[in-house]
Structure formats: C-alpha cells, structure tokens
C-alpha cells in the first residue's frame, strides 16, 4: 500500500489507521519502559543506602548533642 492509496480511503478509515498506529506505538513505548525500569533495582538500592546514611548521621548528631 503506497501513500497515494492512503489518500483514496474514507476519512473514518484514515482515522482508524492513525489511531491504531498511535495506540501500537504508545503500548510499545510503555512495554519497553517497563522492561527497562523493571530490569534493575539500582535506583532503589541507592535510595536505601542514602536513607540509611541519613539515619546514622541523625543518630550520631543526637548522641553528640546529649
């Protein structure tokens, strides 16, 4: 099917083709993103380490102030 054939289609048919294409693209991006993000927990490990360091610092400052 060439682009010239696309012009001969009814407007509702063109809209359906565009809507289907966009829907496939969006689901493809969503699937790719979920696979990329879900593959590793590096960010969560970094957040946990940061929270643990902050907790130790606050405990140390409380014990110094006492």
PDB file of N, CA and C in Angstrom:
ATOM      1  N   UNK A   1       0.858  -1.179   0.000  1.00  0.00           N
ATOM      2  CA  UNK A   1       0.000   0.000   0.000  1.00  0.00           C
ATOM      3  C   UNK A   1       0.898   1.236   0.000  1.00  0.00           C
ATOM      4  N   UNK A   2       0.700   2.091  -0.949  1.00  0.00           N
ATOM      5  CA  UNK A   2       1.512   3.302  -1.028  1.00  0.00           C
ATOM      6  C   UNK A   2       0.746   4.475  -0.432  1.00  0.00           C
ATOM      7  N   UNK A   3       1.444   5.587  -0.294  1.00  0.00           N
ATOM      8  CA  UNK A   3       0.830   6.786   0.268  1.00  0.00           C
ATOM      9  C   UNK A   3      -0.318   7.291  -0.603  1.00  0.00           C
ATOM     10  N   UNK A   4      -0.228   7.117  -1.913  1.00  0.00           N
ATOM     11  CA  UNK A   4      -1.298   7.536  -2.825  1.00  0.00           C
ATOM     12  C   UNK A   4      -2.573   6.745  -2.549  1.00  0.00           C
ATOM     13  N   UNK A   5      -2.429   5.467  -2.212  1.00  0.00           N
ATOM     14  CA  UNK A   5      -3.599   4.655  -1.874  1.00  0.00           C
ATOM     15  C   UNK A   5      -4.235   5.127  -0.569  1.00  0.00           C
ATOM     16  N   UNK A   6      -3.437   5.638   0.337  1.00  0.00           N
ATOM     17  CA  UNK A   6      -3.943   6.128   1.623  1.00  0.00           C
ATOM     18  C   UNK A   6      -4.868   7.322   1.415  1.00  0.00           C
ATOM     19  N   UNK A   7      -4.588   8.149   0.432  1.00  0.00           N
ATOM     20  CA  UNK A   7      -5.416   9.335   0.162  1.00  0.00           C
ATOM     21  C   UNK A   7      -6.806   8.962  -0.336  1.00  0.00           C
ATOM     22  N   UNK A   8      -6.945   7.809  -0.954  1.00  0.00           N
ATOM     23  CA  UNK A   8      -8.230   7.392  -1.508  1.00  0.00           C
ATOM     24  C   UNK A   8      -9.157   6.769  -0.472  1.00  0.00           C
ATOM     25  N   UNK A   9      -8.681   6.556   0.739  1.00  0.00           N
ATOM     26  CA  UNK A   9      -9.514   5.946   1.770  1.00  0.00           C
ATOM     27  C   UNK A   9     -10.479   6.965   2.357  1.00  0.00           C
ATOM     28  N   UNK A  10     -11.548   6.466   2.952  1.00  0.00           N
ATOM     29  CA  UNK A  10     -12.523   7.334   3.609  1.00  0.00           C
ATOM     30  C   UNK A  10     -11.898   7.949   4.853  1.00  0.00           C
ATOM     31  N   UNK A  11     -12.364   9.139   5.262  1.00  0.00           N
ATOM     32  CA  UNK A  11     -11.781   9.800   6.446  1.00  0.00           C
ATOM     33  C   UNK A  11     -11.834   8.953   7.717  1.00  0.00           C
ATOM     34  N   UNK A  12     -12.936   8.236   7.932  1.00  0.00           N
ATOM     35  CA  UNK A  12     -13.030   7.398   9.134  1.00  0.00           C
ATOM     36  C   UNK A  12     -12.010   6.261   9.093  1.00  0.00           C
ATOM     37  N   UNK A  13     -11.759   5.745   7.920  1.00  0.00           N
ATOM     38  CA  UNK A  13     -10.775   4.682   7.773  1.00  0.00           C
ATOM     39  C   UNK A  13      -9.370   5.218   8.053  1.00  0.00           C
ATOM     40  N   UNK A  14      -9.085   6.412   7.549  1.00  0.00           N
ATOM     41  CA  UNK A  14      -7.783   7.035   7.822  1.00  0.00           C
ATOM     42  C   UNK A  14      -7.607   7.254   9.320  1.00  0.00           C
ATOM     43  N   UNK A  15      -8.674   7.760   9.962  1.00  0.00           N
ATOM     44  CA  UNK A  15      -8.604   8.000  11.404  1.00  0.00           C
ATOM     45  C   UNK A  15      -8.375   6.701  12.170  1.00  0.00           C
ATOM     46  N   UNK A  16      -9.013   5.639  11.745  1.00  0.00           N
ATOM     47  CA  UNK A  16      -8.837   4.343  12.413  1.00  0.00           C
ATOM     48  C   UNK A  16      -7.406   3.836  12.241  1.00  0.00           C
ATOM     49  N   UNK A  17      -6.836   4.012  11.063  1.00  0.00           N
ATOM     50  CA  UNK A  17      -5.450   3.578  10.827  1.00  0.00           C
ATOM     51  C   UNK A  17      -4.484   4.383  11.687  1.00  0.00           C
ATOM     52  N   UNK A  18      -4.685   5.702  11.745  1.00  0.00           N
ATOM     53  CA  UNK A  18      -3.813   6.558  12.561  1.00  0.00           C
ATOM     54  C   UNK A  18      -3.966   6.215  14.035  1.00  0.00           C
ATOM     55  N   UNK A  19      -5.210   6.036  14.493  1.00  0.00           N
ATOM     56  CA  UNK A  19      -5.451   5.697  15.902  1.00  0.00           C
ATOM     57  C   UNK A  19      -4.813   4.359  16.253  1.00  0.00           C
ATOM     58  N   UNK A  20      -4.939   3.376  15.381  1.00  0.00           N
ATOM     59  CA  UNK A  20      -4.322   2.070  15.629  1.00  0.00           C
ATOM     60  C   UNK A  20      -2.806   2.161  15.680  1.00  0.00           C
ATOM     61  N   UNK A  21      -2.239   2.942  14.778  1.00  0.00           N
ATOM     62  CA  UNK A  21      -0.780   3.107  14.757  1.00  0.00           C
ATOM     63  C   UNK A  21      -0.287   3.793  16.020  1.00  0.00           C
ATOM     64  N   UNK A  22      -0.968   4.853  16.429  1.00  0.00           N
ATOM     65  CA  UNK A  22      -0.563   5.559  17.651  1.00  0.00           C
ATOM     66  C   UNK A  22      -0.717   4.689  18.885  1.00  0.00           C
ATOM     67  N   UNK A  23      -1.790   3.914  18.936  1.00  0.00           N
ATOM     68  CA  UNK A  23      -2.003   3.011  20.069  1.00  0.00           C
ATOM     69  C   UNK A  23      -0.883   1.978  20.143  1.00  0.00           C
ATOM     70  N   UNK A  24      -0.522   1.403  19.013  1.00  0.00           N
ATOM     71  CA  UNK A  24       0.589   0.434  18.996  1.00  0.00           C
ATOM     72  C   UNK A  24       1.889   1.080  19.436  1.00  0.00           C
ATOM     73  N   UNK A  25       2.136   2.296  18.995  1.00  0.00           N
ATOM     74  CA  UNK A  25       3.355   2.996  19.387  1.00  0.00           C
ATOM     75  C   UNK A  25       3.382   3.239  20.889  1.00  0.00           C
ATOM     76  N   UNK A  26       2.266   3.721  21.440  1.00  0.00           N
ATOM     77  CA  UNK A  26       2.210   4.018  22.880  1.00  0.00           C
ATOM     78  C   UNK A  26       2.415   2.751  23.696  1.00  0.00           C
ATOM     79  N   UNK A  27       1.755   1.661  23.336  1.00  0.00           N
ATOM     80  CA  UNK A  27       1.938   0.415  24.075  1.00  0.00           C
ATOM     81  C   UNK A  27       3.357  -0.124  23.918  1.00  0.00           C
ATOM     82  N   UNK A  28       3.955   0.084  22.766  1.00  0.00           N
ATOM     83  CA  UNK A  28       5.342  -0.336  22.574  1.00  0.00           C
ATOM     84  C   UNK A  28       6.292   0.433  23.472  1.00  0.00           C
ATOM     85  N   UNK A  29       6.100   1.744  23.564  1.00  0.00           N
ATOM     86  CA  UNK A  29       6.940   2.568  24.442  1.00  0.00           C
ATOM     87  C   UNK A  29       6.715   2.184  25.900  1.00  0.00           C
ATOM     88  N   UNK A  30       5.465   1.963  26.284  1.00  0.00           N
ATOM     89  CA  UNK A  30       5.149   1.555  27.657  1.00  0.00           C
ATOM     90  C   UNK A  30       5.820   0.229  27.993  1.00  0.00           C
ATOM     91  N   UNK A  31       5.699  -0.746  27.102  1.00  0.00           N
ATOM     92  CA  UNK A  31       6.298  -2.062  27.327  1.00  0.00           C
ATOM     93  C   UNK A  31       7.815  -1.954  27.451  1.00  0.00           C
ATOM     94  N   UNK A  32       8.431  -1.202  26.549  1.00  0.00           N
ATOM     95  CA  UNK A  32       9.885  -1.027  26.584  1.00  0.00           C
ATOM     96  C   UNK A  32      10.315  -0.365  27.887  1.00  0.00           C
ATOM     97  N   UNK A  33       9.594   0.672  28.295  1.00  0.00           N
ATOM     98  CA  UNK A  33       9.948   1.400  29.510  1.00  0.00           C
ATOM     99  C   UNK A  33       9.815   0.517  30.741  1.00  0.00           C
ATOM    100  N   UNK A  34       8.738  -0.241  30.822  1.00  0.00           N
ATOM    101  CA  UNK A  34       8.545  -1.119  31.985  1.00  0.00           C
ATOM    102  C   UNK A  34       9.614  -2.199  32.038  1.00  0.00           C
ATOM    103  N   UNK A  35      10.018  -2.704  30.894  1.00  0.00           N
ATOM    104  CA  UNK A  35      11.088  -3.707  30.878  1.00  0.00           C
ATOM    105  C   UNK A  35      12.423  -3.088  31.271  1.00  0.00           C
ATOM    106  N   UNK A  36      12.685  -1.873  30.811  1.00  0.00           N
ATOM    107  CA  UNK A  36      13.957  -1.213  31.109  1.00  0.00           C
ATOM    108  C   UNK A  36      14.031  -0.838  32.585  1.00  0.00           C
ATOM    109  N   UNK A  37      12.976  -0.315  33.126  1.00  0.00           N
ATOM    110  CA  UNK A  37      12.969   0.119  34.524  1.00  0.00           C
ATOM    111  C   UNK A  37      12.895  -1.076  35.456  1.00  0.00           C
ATOM    112  N   UNK A  38      12.125  -2.067  35.110  1.00  0.00           N
ATOM    113  CA  UNK A  38      11.950  -3.225  35.974  1.00  0.00           C
ATOM    114  C   UNK A  38      13.131  -4.171  35.979  1.00  0.00           C
ATOM    115  N   UNK A  39      14.065  -3.991  35.092  1.00  0.00           N
ATOM    116  CA  UNK A  39      15.182  -4.908  34.987  1.00  0.00           C
ATOM    117  C   UNK A  39      16.170  -4.830  36.134  1.00  0.00           C
ATOM    118  N   UNK A  40      16.370  -3.648  36.686  1.00  0.00           N
ATOM    119  CA  UNK A  40      17.330  -3.489  37.768  1.00  0.00           C
ATOM    120  C   UNK A  40      16.721  -2.656  38.889  1.00  0.00           C
ATOM    121  N   UNK A  41      17.228  -2.878  40.084  1.00  0.00           N
ATOM    122  CA  UNK A  41      16.779  -2.112  41.232  1.00  0.00           C
ATOM    123  C   UNK A  41      17.893  -1.210  41.744  1.00  0.00           C
ATOM    124  N   UNK A  42      18.761  -0.759  40.841  1.00  0.00           N
ATOM    125  CA  UNK A  42      19.898   0.054  41.242  1.00  0.00           C
ATOM    126  C   UNK A  42      19.454   1.347  41.918  1.00  0.00           C
ATOM    127  N   UNK A  43      18.424   1.964  41.407  1.00  0.00           N
ATOM    128  CA  UNK A  43      17.946   3.215  41.981  1.00  0.00           C
ATOM    129  C   UNK A  43      17.409   2.985  43.382  1.00  0.00           C
ATOM    130  N   UNK A  44      16.641   1.920  43.580  1.00  0.00           N
ATOM    131  CA  UNK A  44      16.091   1.640  44.903  1.00  0.00           C
ATOM    132  C   UNK A  44      17.206   1.322  45.897  1.00  0.00           C
ATOM    133  N   UNK A  45      18.227   0.614  45.476  1.00  0.00           N
ATOM    134  CA  UNK A  45      19.368   0.308  46.355  1.00  0.00           C
ATOM    135  C   UNK A  45      20.065   1.597  46.763  1.00  0.00           C
ATOM    136  N   UNK A  46      20.244   2.518  45.812  1.00  0.00           N
ATOM    137  CA  UNK A  46      20.881   3.803  46.119  1.00  0.00           C
ATOM    138  C   UNK A  46      20.033   4.608  47.098  1.00  0.00           C
ATOM    139  N   UNK A  47      18.734   4.605  46.916  1.00  0.00           N
ATOM    140  CA  UNK A  47      17.843   5.331  47.836  1.00  0.00           C
ATOM    141  C   UNK A  47      17.922   4.734  49.230  1.00  0.00           C
ATOM    142  N   UNK A  48      17.909   3.418  49.326  1.00  0.00           N
ATOM    143  CA  UNK A  48      18.002   2.759  50.633  1.00  0.00           C
ATOM    144  C   UNK A  48      19.313   3.095  51.338  1.00  0.00           C
ATOM    145  N   UNK A  49      20.424   3.096  50.604  1.00  0.00           N
ATOM    146  CA  UNK A  49      21.717   3.444  51.198  1.00  0.00           C
ATOM    147  C   UNK A  49      21.719   4.888  51.687  1.00  0.00           C
ATOM    148  N   UNK A  50      21.156   5.788  50.885  1.00  0.00           N
ATOM    149  CA  UNK A  50      21.101   7.195  51.262  1.00  0.00           C
ATOM    150  C   UNK A  50      20.275   7.380  52.532  1.00  0.00           C
ATOM    151  N   UNK A  51      19.118   6.713  52.619  1.00  0.00           N
ATOM    152  CA  UNK A  51      18.274   6.823  53.806  1.00  0.00           C
ATOM    153  C   UNK A  51      18.984   6.251  55.030  1.00  0.00           C
ATOM    154  N   UNK A  52      19.727   5.171  54.845  1.00  0.00           N
ATOM    155  CA  UNK A  52      20.464   4.570  55.958  1.00  0.00           C
ATOM    156  C   UNK A  52      21.564   5.512  56.443  1.00  0.00           C
ATOM    157  N   UNK A  53      22.253   6.162  55.507  1.00  0.00           N
ATOM    158  CA  UNK A  53      23.297   7.121  55.887  1.00  0.00           C
ATOM    159  C   UNK A  53      22.702   8.298  56.645  1.00  0.00           C
ATOM    160  N   UNK A  54      21.577   8.812  56.187  1.00  0.00           N
ATOM    161  CA  UNK A  54      20.926   9.939  56.856  1.00  0.00           C
ATOM    162  C   UNK A  54      20.489   9.542  58.270  1.00  0.00           C
ATOM    163  N   UNK A  55      19.991   8.320  58.418  1.00  0.00           N
ATOM    164  CA  UNK A  55      19.557   7.842  59.733  1.00  0.00           C
ATOM    165  C   UNK A  55      20.754   7.756  60.677  1.00  0.00           C
ATOM    166  N   UNK A  56      21.887   7.223  60.180  1.00  0.00           N
ATOM    167  CA  UNK A  56      23.084   7.116  61.011  1.00  0.00           C
ATOM    168  C   UNK A  56      23.598   8.499  61.395  1.00  0.00           C
ATOM    169  N   UNK A  57      23.564   9.449  60.447  1.00  0.00           N
ATOM    170  CA  UNK A  57      24.011  10.814  60.738  1.00  0.00           C
ATOM    171  C   UNK A  57      23.137  11.474  61.789  1.00  0.00           C
ATOM    172  N   UNK A  58      21.830  11.265  61.687  1.00  0.00           N
ATOM    173  CA  UNK A  58      20.935  11.896  62.666  1.00  0.00           C
ATOM    174  C   UNK A  58      21.120  11.250  64.040  1.00  0.00           C
ATOM    175  N   UNK A  59      21.343   9.954  64.092  1.00  0.00           N
ATOM    176  CA  UNK A  59      21.596   9.289  65.373  1.00  0.00           C
ATOM    177  C   UNK A  59      22.903   9.770  65.985  1.00  0.00           C
ATOM    178  N   UNK A  60      23.912   9.970  65.148  1.00  0.00           N
ATOM    179  CA  UNK A  60      25.209  10.436  65.627  1.00  0.00           C
ATOM    180  C   UNK A  60      25.108  11.866  66.154  1.00  0.00           C
ATOM    181  N   UNK A  61      24.341  12.719  65.479  1.00  0.00           N
ATOM    182  CA  UNK A  61      24.209  14.088  65.941  1.00  0.00           C
ATOM    183  C   UNK A  61      23.400  14.165  67.221  1.00  0.00           C
ATOM    184  N   UNK A  62      22.431  13.282  67.389  1.00  0.00           N
ATOM    185  CA  UNK A  62      21.644  13.264  68.620  1.00  0.00           C
ATOM    186  C   UNK A  62      22.523  12.806  69.770  1.00  0.00           C
ATOM    187  N   UNK A  63      23.374  11.793  69.565  1.00  0.00           N
ATOM    188  CA  UNK A  63      24.238  11.298  70.629  1.00  0.00           C
ATOM    189  C   UNK A  63      25.326  12.306  70.970  1.00  0.00           C
ATOM    190  N   UNK A  64      25.786  13.104  70.018  1.00  0.00           N
ATOM    191  CA  UNK A  64      26.775  14.154  70.295  1.00  0.00           C
ATOM    192  C   UNK A  64      26.165  15.294  71.093  1.00  0.00           C
ATOM    193  N   UNK A  65      24.908  15.612  70.783  1.00  0.00           N
ATOM    194  CA  UNK A  65      24.237  16.717  71.469  1.00  0.00           C
ATOM    195  C   UNK A  65      23.873  16.369  72.902  1.00  0.00           C
ATOM    196  N   UNK A  66      23.763  15.100  73.243  1.00  0.00           N
ATOM    197  CA  UNK A  66      23.363  14.694  74.591  1.00  0.00           C
ATOM    198  C   UNK A  66      24.462  14.791  75.599  1.00  0.00           C
TER     199      UNK A  66
END
